[in-house]
Amino acid sequence: MGISRSSRHKRSATGAQRAHYRKKRKFELGRQPANTKLGPKRVHTVRVRGGNLKYRALRLESGNFAWGSEHTTKKTRIISVVYNASNNELVRTNTLVKSAIIQVDATPFRQWYESHYAQPVTKKGKTQAASADAPAEPKKLSNHVQRNLDERKKDAKIDPLLESQFAAGRLYAAISSRPGQSGRADGYILEGKELEFYLRKIRTGKQKHAHA
């Protein structure tokens, strides 16, 4: 039996069973889920209706993630899946799907922040940077560049929750693309109320498993 998206087998709103008056149609077909896993990139093409192509990602290891509050996007490595609202099995098997909450490598974002604002992301990083840069001579900047940096530093505030993640070297992110359709795992860094919400969910999930 092929996978069908037809609703002919469903009962009507009043509970009546619908009559079977035709077989399955090609335009009602469904396909097996991609179940995209973490690993070296492997994407298959699928020929679909209208001669178009879908890109079925079977394995992915990186994606483009947007840091909304800083208006920047970086390509970074995906580390693991930490939460999925629909199914815990997808967390255990590290399956990448849309809206999955994952951890990504913070390095590209930290490097961008430090070059953009000319200061470390975390307080912890500040002391390490100070000790590392002590022997090196400070880089001479033009007045124009220095003024720009001073202006930027006025707005260089970072969420304490994000700061602790930068210290650990991992950021929480959500996937907003559909890996099984577009062949990409792109998304955005979690911040503010959304980050707080998912941190609560992850914490309660861990507590449940601890009691079990």
C-alpha atoms as a PDB file:
ATOM      1  CA  MET A   1       0.000   0.000   0.000  1.00  0.00           C
ATOM      2  CA  GLY A   2       1.352   3.399  -0.961  1.00  0.00           C
ATOM      3  CA  ILE A   3       1.223   6.414   1.362  1.00  0.00           C
ATOM      4  CA  SER A   4      -1.772   8.583   0.492  1.00  0.00           C
ATOM      5  CA  ARG A   5      -2.709  12.116   1.583  1.00  0.00           C
ATOM      6  CA  SER A   6      -6.325  11.677   0.496  1.00  0.00           C
ATOM      7  CA  SER A   7      -9.011  12.052   3.161  1.00  0.00           C
ATOM      8  CA  ARG A   8     -11.488   9.747   1.386  1.00  0.00           C
ATOM      9  CA  HIS A   9     -10.993   7.124   4.129  1.00  0.00           C
ATOM     10  CA  LYS A  10     -11.952   9.633   6.832  1.00  0.00           C
ATOM     11  CA  ARG A  11     -15.465   9.810   8.211  1.00  0.00           C
ATOM     12  CA  SER A  12     -17.474  12.987   7.568  1.00  0.00           C
ATOM     13  CA  ALA A  13     -18.117  15.606  10.285  1.00  0.00           C
ATOM     14  CA  THR A  14     -21.400  13.864  11.210  1.00  0.00           C
ATOM     15  CA  GLY A  15     -19.702  10.462  11.483  1.00  0.00           C
ATOM     16  CA  ALA A  16     -20.911   8.974   8.202  1.00  0.00           C
ATOM     17  CA  GLN A  17     -18.550   6.617   6.390  1.00  0.00           C
ATOM     18  CA  ARG A  18     -17.741   7.933   2.917  1.00  0.00           C
ATOM     19  CA  ALA A  19     -18.358   5.754  -0.130  1.00  0.00           C
ATOM     20  CA  HIS A  20     -15.319   4.310  -1.933  1.00  0.00           C
ATOM     21  CA  TYR A  21     -15.831   5.459  -5.488  1.00  0.00           C
ATOM     22  CA  ARG A  22     -12.241   5.588  -6.802  1.00  0.00           C
ATOM     23  CA  LYS A  23      -8.737   4.262  -6.318  1.00  0.00           C
ATOM     24  CA  LYS A  24      -5.762   6.257  -5.073  1.00  0.00           C
ATOM     25  CA  ARG A  25      -4.510   8.997  -7.379  1.00  0.00           C
ATOM     26  CA  LYS A  26      -0.946  10.001  -8.159  1.00  0.00           C
ATOM     27  CA  PHE A  27      -1.621  13.593  -7.042  1.00  0.00           C
ATOM     28  CA  GLU A  28      -2.662  12.317  -3.585  1.00  0.00           C
ATOM     29  CA  LEU A  29       0.597  10.500  -2.912  1.00  0.00           C
ATOM     30  CA  GLY A  30       2.755  10.898   0.164  1.00  0.00           C
ATOM     31  CA  ARG A  31       6.413   9.901   0.635  1.00  0.00           C
ATOM     32  CA  GLN A  32       8.486   8.427   3.444  1.00  0.00           C
ATOM     33  CA  PRO A  33       9.836  10.948   6.006  1.00  0.00           C
ATOM     34  CA  ALA A  34      13.446  12.071   5.507  1.00  0.00           C
ATOM     35  CA  ASN A  35      14.409  11.580   9.197  1.00  0.00           C
ATOM     36  CA  THR A  36      17.436  13.856   8.701  1.00  0.00           C
ATOM     37  CA  LYS A  37      20.278  12.883  11.050  1.00  0.00           C
ATOM     38  CA  LEU A  38      23.460  14.611  12.212  1.00  0.00           C
ATOM     39  CA  GLY A  39      26.461  13.688  10.092  1.00  0.00           C
ATOM     40  CA  PRO A  40      28.478  14.546   6.969  1.00  0.00           C
ATOM     41  CA  LYS A  41      26.199  16.267   4.431  1.00  0.00           C
ATOM     42  CA  ARG A  42      24.176  13.870   2.271  1.00  0.00           C
ATOM     43  CA  VAL A  43      21.293  15.275   0.185  1.00  0.00           C
ATOM     44  CA  HIS A  44      19.221  13.365  -2.386  1.00  0.00           C
ATOM     45  CA  THR A  45      17.060  15.002  -5.051  1.00  0.00           C
ATOM     46  CA  VAL A  46      13.459  13.900  -5.527  1.00  0.00           C
ATOM     47  CA  ARG A  47      11.567  14.592  -8.758  1.00  0.00           C
ATOM     48  CA  VAL A  48       8.110  15.878  -7.823  1.00  0.00           C
ATOM     49  CA  ARG A  49       4.915  17.160  -9.453  1.00  0.00           C
ATOM     50  CA  GLY A  50       5.493  19.606 -12.297  1.00  0.00           C
ATOM     51  CA  GLY A  51       9.025  18.333 -12.904  1.00  0.00           C
ATOM     52  CA  ASN A  52      10.268  20.285  -9.873  1.00  0.00           C
ATOM     53  CA  LEU A  53      12.904  19.053  -7.444  1.00  0.00           C
ATOM     54  CA  LYS A  54      12.871  18.632  -3.693  1.00  0.00           C
ATOM     55  CA  TYR A  55      16.105  18.252  -1.779  1.00  0.00           C
ATOM     56  CA  ARG A  56      15.837  15.437   0.735  1.00  0.00           C
ATOM     57  CA  ALA A  57      18.550  15.936   3.369  1.00  0.00           C
ATOM     58  CA  LEU A  58      19.481  12.571   4.879  1.00  0.00           C
ATOM     59  CA  ARG A  59      22.392  13.922   6.912  1.00  0.00           C
ATOM     60  CA  LEU A  60      23.452  17.471   7.770  1.00  0.00           C
ATOM     61  CA  GLU A  61      26.117  18.874  10.073  1.00  0.00           C
ATOM     62  CA  SER A  62      25.825  22.672   9.675  1.00  0.00           C
ATOM     63  CA  GLY A  63      23.440  25.483   8.762  1.00  0.00           C
ATOM     64  CA  ASN A  64      22.980  29.257   8.607  1.00  0.00           C
ATOM     65  CA  PHE A  65      21.653  30.718  11.856  1.00  0.00           C
ATOM     66  CA  ALA A  66      20.436  34.274  12.357  1.00  0.00           C
ATOM     67  CA  TRP A  67      21.171  36.247  15.536  1.00  0.00           C
ATOM     68  CA  GLY A  68      18.094  38.490  15.380  1.00  0.00           C
ATOM     69  CA  SER A  69      18.971  41.137  17.971  1.00  0.00           C
ATOM     70  CA  GLU A  70      22.385  41.716  16.347  1.00  0.00           C
ATOM     71  CA  HIS A  71      21.110  41.504  12.729  1.00  0.00           C
ATOM     72  CA  THR A  72      23.747  39.009  11.668  1.00  0.00           C
ATOM     73  CA  THR A  73      23.735  35.479  10.236  1.00  0.00           C
ATOM     74  CA  LYS A  74      26.563  32.960  10.416  1.00  0.00           C
ATOM     75  CA  LYS A  75      27.154  29.436   9.156  1.00  0.00           C
ATOM     76  CA  THR A  76      27.858  27.211  12.134  1.00  0.00           C
ATOM     77  CA  ARG A  77      28.134  23.572  13.187  1.00  0.00           C
ATOM     78  CA  ILE A  78      25.102  21.802  14.667  1.00  0.00           C
ATOM     79  CA  ILE A  79      26.089  19.966  17.864  1.00  0.00           C
ATOM     80  CA  SER A  80      22.935  18.128  19.004  1.00  0.00           C
ATOM     81  CA  VAL A  81      19.139  18.153  19.271  1.00  0.00           C
ATOM     82  CA  VAL A  82      17.988  19.049  22.807  1.00  0.00           C
ATOM     83  CA  TYR A  83      14.189  19.425  22.590  1.00  0.00           C
ATOM     84  CA  ASN A  84      11.313  18.618  20.269  1.00  0.00           C
ATOM     85  CA  ALA A  85       7.723  19.502  21.166  1.00  0.00           C
ATOM     86  CA  SER A  86       6.245  16.682  19.071  1.00  0.00           C
ATOM     87  CA  ASN A  87       8.307  13.639  20.016  1.00  0.00           C
ATOM     88  CA  ASN A  88      11.124  12.829  22.477  1.00  0.00           C
ATOM     89  CA  GLU A  89      12.278  10.026  20.170  1.00  0.00           C
ATOM     90  CA  LEU A  90      13.468  12.701  17.705  1.00  0.00           C
ATOM     91  CA  VAL A  91      15.702  14.137  20.464  1.00  0.00           C
ATOM     92  CA  ARG A  92      17.194  10.749  21.361  1.00  0.00           C
ATOM     93  CA  THR A  93      17.982   9.962  17.715  1.00  0.00           C
ATOM     94  CA  ASN A  94      19.242  13.520  16.918  1.00  0.00           C
ATOM     95  CA  THR A  95      16.698  13.948  14.105  1.00  0.00           C
ATOM     96  CA  LEU A  96      16.631  17.397  12.469  1.00  0.00           C
ATOM     97  CA  VAL A  97      13.126  18.675  11.683  1.00  0.00           C
ATOM     98  CA  LYS A  98      11.503  22.094  11.497  1.00  0.00           C
ATOM     99  CA  SER A  99      11.022  23.730  14.957  1.00  0.00           C
ATOM    100  CA  ALA A 100      13.475  21.337  16.652  1.00  0.00           C
ATOM    101  CA  ILE A 101      15.516  23.045  19.384  1.00  0.00           C
ATOM    102  CA  ILE A 102      19.217  22.374  18.884  1.00  0.00           C
ATOM    103  CA  GLN A 103      22.613  23.435  20.174  1.00  0.00           C
ATOM    104  CA  VAL A 104      25.021  25.092  17.749  1.00  0.00           C
ATOM    105  CA  ASP A 105      28.687  26.065  17.994  1.00  0.00           C
ATOM    106  CA  ALA A 106      28.990  29.631  19.362  1.00  0.00           C
ATOM    107  CA  THR A 107      32.456  30.324  17.865  1.00  0.00           C
ATOM    108  CA  PRO A 108      31.406  32.159  14.622  1.00  0.00           C
ATOM    109  CA  PHE A 109      29.034  34.426  16.594  1.00  0.00           C
ATOM    110  CA  ARG A 110      31.647  35.111  19.308  1.00  0.00           C
ATOM    111  CA  GLN A 111      34.270  36.003  16.682  1.00  0.00           C
ATOM    112  CA  TRP A 112      31.826  38.340  14.920  1.00  0.00           C
ATOM    113  CA  TYR A 113      30.839  40.040  18.216  1.00  0.00           C
ATOM    114  CA  GLU A 114      34.439  40.562  19.282  1.00  0.00           C
ATOM    115  CA  SER A 115      35.459  42.054  15.930  1.00  0.00           C
ATOM    116  CA  HIS A 116      32.285  44.198  15.668  1.00  0.00           C
ATOM    117  CA  TYR A 117      32.369  45.630  19.196  1.00  0.00           C
ATOM    118  CA  ALA A 118      36.119  45.204  19.908  1.00  0.00           C
ATOM    119  CA  GLN A 119      35.353  43.657  23.309  1.00  0.00           C
ATOM    120  CA  PRO A 120      34.820  40.106  24.606  1.00  0.00           C
ATOM    121  CA  VAL A 121      31.308  38.605  24.798  1.00  0.00           C
ATOM    122  CA  THR A 122      31.618  37.319  28.372  1.00  0.00           C
ATOM    123  CA  LYS A 123      33.158  38.694  31.568  1.00  0.00           C
ATOM    124  CA  LYS A 124      35.061  35.422  31.860  1.00  0.00           C
ATOM    125  CA  GLY A 125      36.416  35.941  28.348  1.00  0.00           C
ATOM    126  CA  LYS A 126      37.547  39.452  29.316  1.00  0.00           C
ATOM    127  CA  THR A 127      40.073  38.228  31.904  1.00  0.00           C
ATOM    128  CA  GLN A 128      41.362  35.507  29.579  1.00  0.00           C
ATOM    129  CA  ALA A 129      41.671  37.987  26.714  1.00  0.00           C
ATOM    130  CA  ALA A 130      43.479  40.491  28.955  1.00  0.00           C
ATOM    131  CA  SER A 131      46.077  37.923  30.001  1.00  0.00           C
ATOM    132  CA  ALA A 132      46.492  36.677  26.403  1.00  0.00           C
ATOM    133  CA  ASP A 133      46.797  40.175  24.900  1.00  0.00           C
ATOM    134  CA  ALA A 134      49.131  41.562  27.585  1.00  0.00           C
ATOM    135  CA  PRO A 135      52.393  40.833  25.708  1.00  0.00           C
ATOM    136  CA  ALA A 136      51.026  42.016  22.335  1.00  0.00           C
ATOM    137  CA  GLU A 137      51.020  45.729  21.502  1.00  0.00           C
ATOM    138  CA  PRO A 138      47.543  47.318  21.096  1.00  0.00           C
ATOM    139  CA  LYS A 139      46.552  47.755  17.461  1.00  0.00           C
ATOM    140  CA  LYS A 140      46.599  51.400  16.336  1.00  0.00           C
ATOM    141  CA  LEU A 141      43.222  52.461  14.955  1.00  0.00           C
ATOM    142  CA  SER A 142      42.337  55.571  12.982  1.00  0.00           C
ATOM    143  CA  ASN A 143      40.173  58.190  14.734  1.00  0.00           C
ATOM    144  CA  HIS A 144      37.261  57.369  12.422  1.00  0.00           C
ATOM    145  CA  VAL A 145      37.348  53.631  13.238  1.00  0.00           C
ATOM    146  CA  GLN A 146      37.780  54.384  16.952  1.00  0.00           C
ATOM    147  CA  ARG A 147      34.722  56.676  16.933  1.00  0.00           C
ATOM    148  CA  ASN A 148      32.669  53.966  15.224  1.00  0.00           C
ATOM    149  CA  LEU A 149      33.721  51.385  17.817  1.00  0.00           C
ATOM    150  CA  ASP A 150      32.943  53.753  20.692  1.00  0.00           C
ATOM    151  CA  GLU A 151      29.441  54.328  19.253  1.00  0.00           C
ATOM    152  CA  ARG A 152      28.853  50.595  18.876  1.00  0.00           C
ATOM    153  CA  LYS A 153      30.015  49.859  22.430  1.00  0.00           C
ATOM    154  CA  LYS A 154      27.148  51.983  23.790  1.00  0.00           C
ATOM    155  CA  ASP A 155      24.688  49.361  22.447  1.00  0.00           C
ATOM    156  CA  ALA A 156      26.847  46.303  23.189  1.00  0.00           C
ATOM    157  CA  LYS A 157      24.523  44.773  25.779  1.00  0.00           C
ATOM    158  CA  ILE A 158      24.026  41.029  25.806  1.00  0.00           C
ATOM    159  CA  ASP A 159      21.357  38.903  27.516  1.00  0.00           C
ATOM    160  CA  PRO A 160      22.788  37.178  30.667  1.00  0.00           C
ATOM    161  CA  LEU A 161      21.302  33.858  29.467  1.00  0.00           C
ATOM    162  CA  LEU A 162      23.140  34.208  26.156  1.00  0.00           C
ATOM    163  CA  GLU A 163      26.305  35.242  27.989  1.00  0.00           C
ATOM    164  CA  SER A 164      26.356  31.987  29.978  1.00  0.00           C
ATOM    165  CA  GLN A 165      25.840  30.035  26.730  1.00  0.00           C
ATOM    166  CA  PHE A 166      28.758  31.875  25.082  1.00  0.00           C
ATOM    167  CA  ALA A 167      30.910  30.942  28.095  1.00  0.00           C
ATOM    168  CA  ALA A 168      30.005  27.275  27.498  1.00  0.00           C
ATOM    169  CA  GLY A 169      30.641  27.651  23.750  1.00  0.00           C
ATOM    170  CA  ARG A 170      27.141  26.451  22.726  1.00  0.00           C
ATOM    171  CA  LEU A 171      24.025  28.420  21.786  1.00  0.00           C
ATOM    172  CA  TYR A 172      20.413  27.234  21.719  1.00  0.00           C
ATOM    173  CA  ALA A 173      18.770  27.657  18.309  1.00  0.00           C
ATOM    174  CA  ALA A 174      15.556  26.674  16.523  1.00  0.00           C
ATOM    175  CA  ILE A 175      15.414  25.209  13.013  1.00  0.00           C
ATOM    176  CA  SER A 176      13.050  27.224  10.794  1.00  0.00           C
ATOM    177  CA  SER A 177      13.708  25.512   7.436  1.00  0.00           C
ATOM    178  CA  ARG A 178      12.425  22.056   6.425  1.00  0.00           C
ATOM    179  CA  PRO A 179      15.473  19.773   6.023  1.00  0.00           C
ATOM    180  CA  GLY A 180      13.484  17.050   4.231  1.00  0.00           C
ATOM    181  CA  GLN A 181      12.122  19.517   1.642  1.00  0.00           C
ATOM    182  CA  SER A 182      14.851  22.129   1.104  1.00  0.00           C
ATOM    183  CA  GLY A 183      17.906  20.074   2.058  1.00  0.00           C
ATOM    184  CA  ARG A 184      19.022  22.711   4.587  1.00  0.00           C
ATOM    185  CA  ALA A 185      18.917  23.107   8.365  1.00  0.00           C
ATOM    186  CA  ASP A 186      18.767  26.896   8.787  1.00  0.00           C
ATOM    187  CA  GLY A 187      17.256  28.756  11.717  1.00  0.00           C
ATOM    188  CA  TYR A 188      17.747  31.391  14.387  1.00  0.00           C
ATOM    189  CA  ILE A 189      19.378  31.800  17.812  1.00  0.00           C
ATOM    190  CA  LEU A 190      16.877  31.688  20.688  1.00  0.00           C
ATOM    191  CA  GLU A 191      16.607  34.875  22.738  1.00  0.00           C
ATOM    192  CA  GLY A 192      14.359  36.626  25.263  1.00  0.00           C
ATOM    193  CA  LYS A 193      11.025  35.069  26.285  1.00  0.00           C
ATOM    194  CA  GLU A 194      11.348  32.253  23.729  1.00  0.00           C
ATOM    195  CA  LEU A 195      14.723  31.191  25.147  1.00  0.00           C
ATOM    196  CA  GLU A 196      13.340  31.283  28.716  1.00  0.00           C
ATOM    197  CA  PHE A 197      10.356  29.153  27.633  1.00  0.00           C
ATOM    198  CA  TYR A 198      12.505  26.440  26.025  1.00  0.00           C
ATOM    199  CA  LEU A 199      15.027  26.420  28.898  1.00  0.00           C
ATOM    200  CA  ARG A 200      12.111  25.695  31.258  1.00  0.00           C
ATOM    201  CA  LYS A 201      10.913  22.894  28.961  1.00  0.00           C
ATOM    202  CA  ILE A 202      14.399  21.342  28.740  1.00  0.00           C
ATOM    203  CA  ARG A 203      14.828  21.569  32.536  1.00  0.00           C
ATOM    204  CA  THR A 204      11.453  19.937  33.311  1.00  0.00           C
ATOM    205  CA  GLY A 205      12.185  17.204  30.747  1.00  0.00           C
ATOM    206  CA  LYS A 206      15.484  16.386  32.488  1.00  0.00           C
ATOM    207  CA  GLN A 207      13.795  16.310  35.905  1.00  0.00           C
ATOM    208  CA  LYS A 208      11.142  13.874  34.640  1.00  0.00           C
ATOM    209  CA  HIS A 209      13.820  11.523  33.300  1.00  0.00           C
ATOM    210  CA  ALA A 210      15.743  11.776  36.584  1.00  0.00           C
ATOM    211  CA  HIS A 211      12.678  10.620  38.587  1.00  0.00           C
ATOM    212  CA  ALA A 212      11.815   7.816  36.125  1.00  0.00           C
END
